[in-house]
Amino acid sequence: MNTNICRYCFKKIQDRDELVTASNWFRIRPYHYRCFELLEQDTKTIAGAWTPINGRVGLVTVLLMLVLAIVLLFTDLLGGIGDLVGFLALYPVLLRILSFFIFEMHLPKYVENKNRP
């Protein structure tokens, strides 16, 4: 199975420059950045919203959640509730790691002469 296929237009994603991985309710899907913009316009509800994992927004989210998880898991800040919240805060971090190993690792960083979808 080829994981480098856009789930919106079903064309091949050629490099990391055009890849956007998004999550929605425990699912991770690859998209072209233009197809992801079209998908966001098609989405009408909050429950159906796709959240980007890679890029600046995903990086900031992962860093903040990692700091929160470390603080809550390695201190006794909120007791047992803090441990539970700390484990839940690891969810975006695990999604980012899975996204990297499943989709991004197999793609080159940039392809100079590529056919645009």
Protein backbone atom coordinates (compact mmCIF):
# COMPACT_ATOMS: atom_id res chain seq x y z
CA MET A 1 0.00 0.00 0.00
CA ASN A 2 1.35 3.39 -0.99
CA THR A 3 0.96 5.91 1.81
CA ASN A 4 1.94 8.89 -0.35
CA ILE A 5 -1.46 9.31 -2.01
CA CYS A 6 -3.59 12.37 -1.28
CA ARG A 7 -6.91 11.35 0.27
CA TYR A 8 -8.73 14.22 -1.45
CA CYS A 9 -7.61 14.07 -5.09
CA PHE A 10 -6.00 10.58 -5.02
CA LYS A 11 -2.83 11.77 -6.74
CA LYS A 12 0.71 11.05 -5.59
CA ILE A 13 2.37 13.41 -3.09
CA GLN A 14 5.91 13.90 -4.36
CA ASP A 15 7.74 15.68 -1.53
CA ARG A 16 7.38 16.98 2.03
CA ASP A 17 6.92 20.52 0.74
CA GLU A 18 3.41 19.75 -0.50
CA LEU A 19 2.43 17.28 2.25
CA VAL A 20 -0.03 18.11 5.01
CA THR A 21 -0.89 15.32 7.40
CA ALA A 22 -4.12 15.85 9.28
CA SER A 23 -5.93 14.04 12.08
CA ASN A 24 -9.57 13.63 12.94
CA TRP A 25 -10.87 11.27 15.62
CA PHE A 26 -7.88 8.89 15.77
CA ARG A 27 -7.28 8.94 12.00
CA ILE A 28 -4.23 10.33 10.20
CA ARG A 29 -4.54 11.20 6.52
CA PRO A 30 -2.09 12.72 3.98
CA TYR A 31 -3.15 15.62 1.72
CA HIS A 32 -1.61 18.08 -0.70
CA TYR A 33 -1.57 21.52 0.91
CA ARG A 34 -4.02 22.83 -1.72
CA CYS A 35 -6.32 19.83 -1.26
CA PHE A 36 -6.26 20.36 2.50
CA GLU A 37 -7.45 23.94 2.00
CA LEU A 38 -10.34 22.62 -0.13
CA LEU A 39 -11.12 20.02 2.52
CA GLU A 40 -11.26 22.72 5.21
CA GLN A 41 -13.70 24.71 3.07
CA ASP A 42 -15.88 21.60 2.58
CA THR A 43 -15.98 20.81 6.29
CA LYS A 44 -19.03 22.34 7.92
CA THR A 45 -18.93 21.18 11.55
CA ILE A 46 -16.42 21.23 14.38
CA ALA A 47 -16.75 17.45 14.83
CA GLY A 48 -15.72 16.89 11.20
CA ALA A 49 -12.76 19.27 11.30
CA TRP A 50 -9.33 17.97 10.30
CA THR A 51 -6.42 19.29 12.37
CA PRO A 52 -3.00 19.63 10.69
CA ILE A 53 -0.27 17.62 12.41
CA ASN A 54 2.84 18.80 10.60
CA GLY A 55 3.85 22.39 9.96
CA ARG A 56 4.12 25.30 12.37
CA VAL A 57 0.75 24.82 14.05
CA GLY A 58 1.40 21.13 14.64
CA LEU A 59 4.91 21.81 15.95
CA VAL A 60 3.67 24.40 18.46
CA THR A 61 0.90 22.06 19.60
CA VAL A 62 3.30 19.15 20.03
CA LEU A 63 5.81 21.24 21.98
CA LEU A 64 3.17 22.67 24.32
CA MET A 65 1.59 19.27 24.94
CA LEU A 66 4.98 17.67 25.53
CA VAL A 67 5.85 20.29 28.14
CA LEU A 68 2.43 19.87 29.76
CA ALA A 69 2.78 16.07 29.81
CA ILE A 70 6.27 16.20 31.31
CA VAL A 71 5.21 18.65 34.01
CA LEU A 72 2.10 16.69 34.96
CA LEU A 73 3.66 13.23 34.78
CA PHE A 74 6.90 13.96 36.63
CA THR A 75 5.51 16.22 39.34
CA ASP A 76 2.70 15.80 41.84
CA LEU A 77 0.95 18.94 40.64
CA LEU A 78 -2.62 17.63 40.41
CA GLY A 79 -2.17 14.13 41.84
CA GLY A 80 -3.93 11.32 39.98
CA ILE A 81 -5.89 13.72 37.79
CA GLY A 82 -2.61 15.30 36.69
CA ASP A 83 -1.28 11.90 35.61
CA LEU A 84 -4.42 11.27 33.56
CA VAL A 85 -4.21 14.71 31.92
CA GLY A 86 -0.49 14.11 31.29
CA PHE A 87 -1.22 10.87 29.45
CA LEU A 88 -3.94 12.58 27.40
CA ALA A 89 -1.51 15.38 26.54
CA LEU A 90 0.79 12.80 24.94
CA TYR A 91 -1.83 12.08 22.23
CA PRO A 92 -0.74 14.89 19.82
CA VAL A 93 2.90 13.95 20.38
CA LEU A 94 2.22 10.33 19.43
CA LEU A 95 0.23 11.45 16.38
CA ARG A 96 3.17 13.58 15.22
CA ILE A 97 5.62 10.70 15.66
CA LEU A 98 3.31 8.31 13.76
CA SER A 99 2.83 10.89 11.03
CA PHE A 100 6.56 11.27 10.59
CA PHE A 101 7.28 7.55 10.40
CA ILE A 102 4.30 6.61 8.23
CA PHE A 103 4.17 9.51 5.74
CA GLU A 104 7.07 11.97 5.92
CA MET A 105 10.06 9.67 6.29
CA HIS A 106 9.50 8.10 2.86
CA LEU A 107 9.32 11.41 1.00
CA PRO A 108 12.22 13.61 -0.13
CA LYS A 109 12.34 17.10 1.38
CA TYR A 110 12.00 18.90 -1.95
CA VAL A 111 11.77 17.85 -5.59
CA GLU A 112 12.82 20.57 -8.02
CA ASN A 113 10.93 19.64 -11.21
CA LYS A 114 7.70 17.93 -10.26
CA ASN A 115 4.33 17.61 -11.88
CA ARG A 116 1.76 19.56 -9.86
CA PRO A 117 -1.54 17.78 -9.13
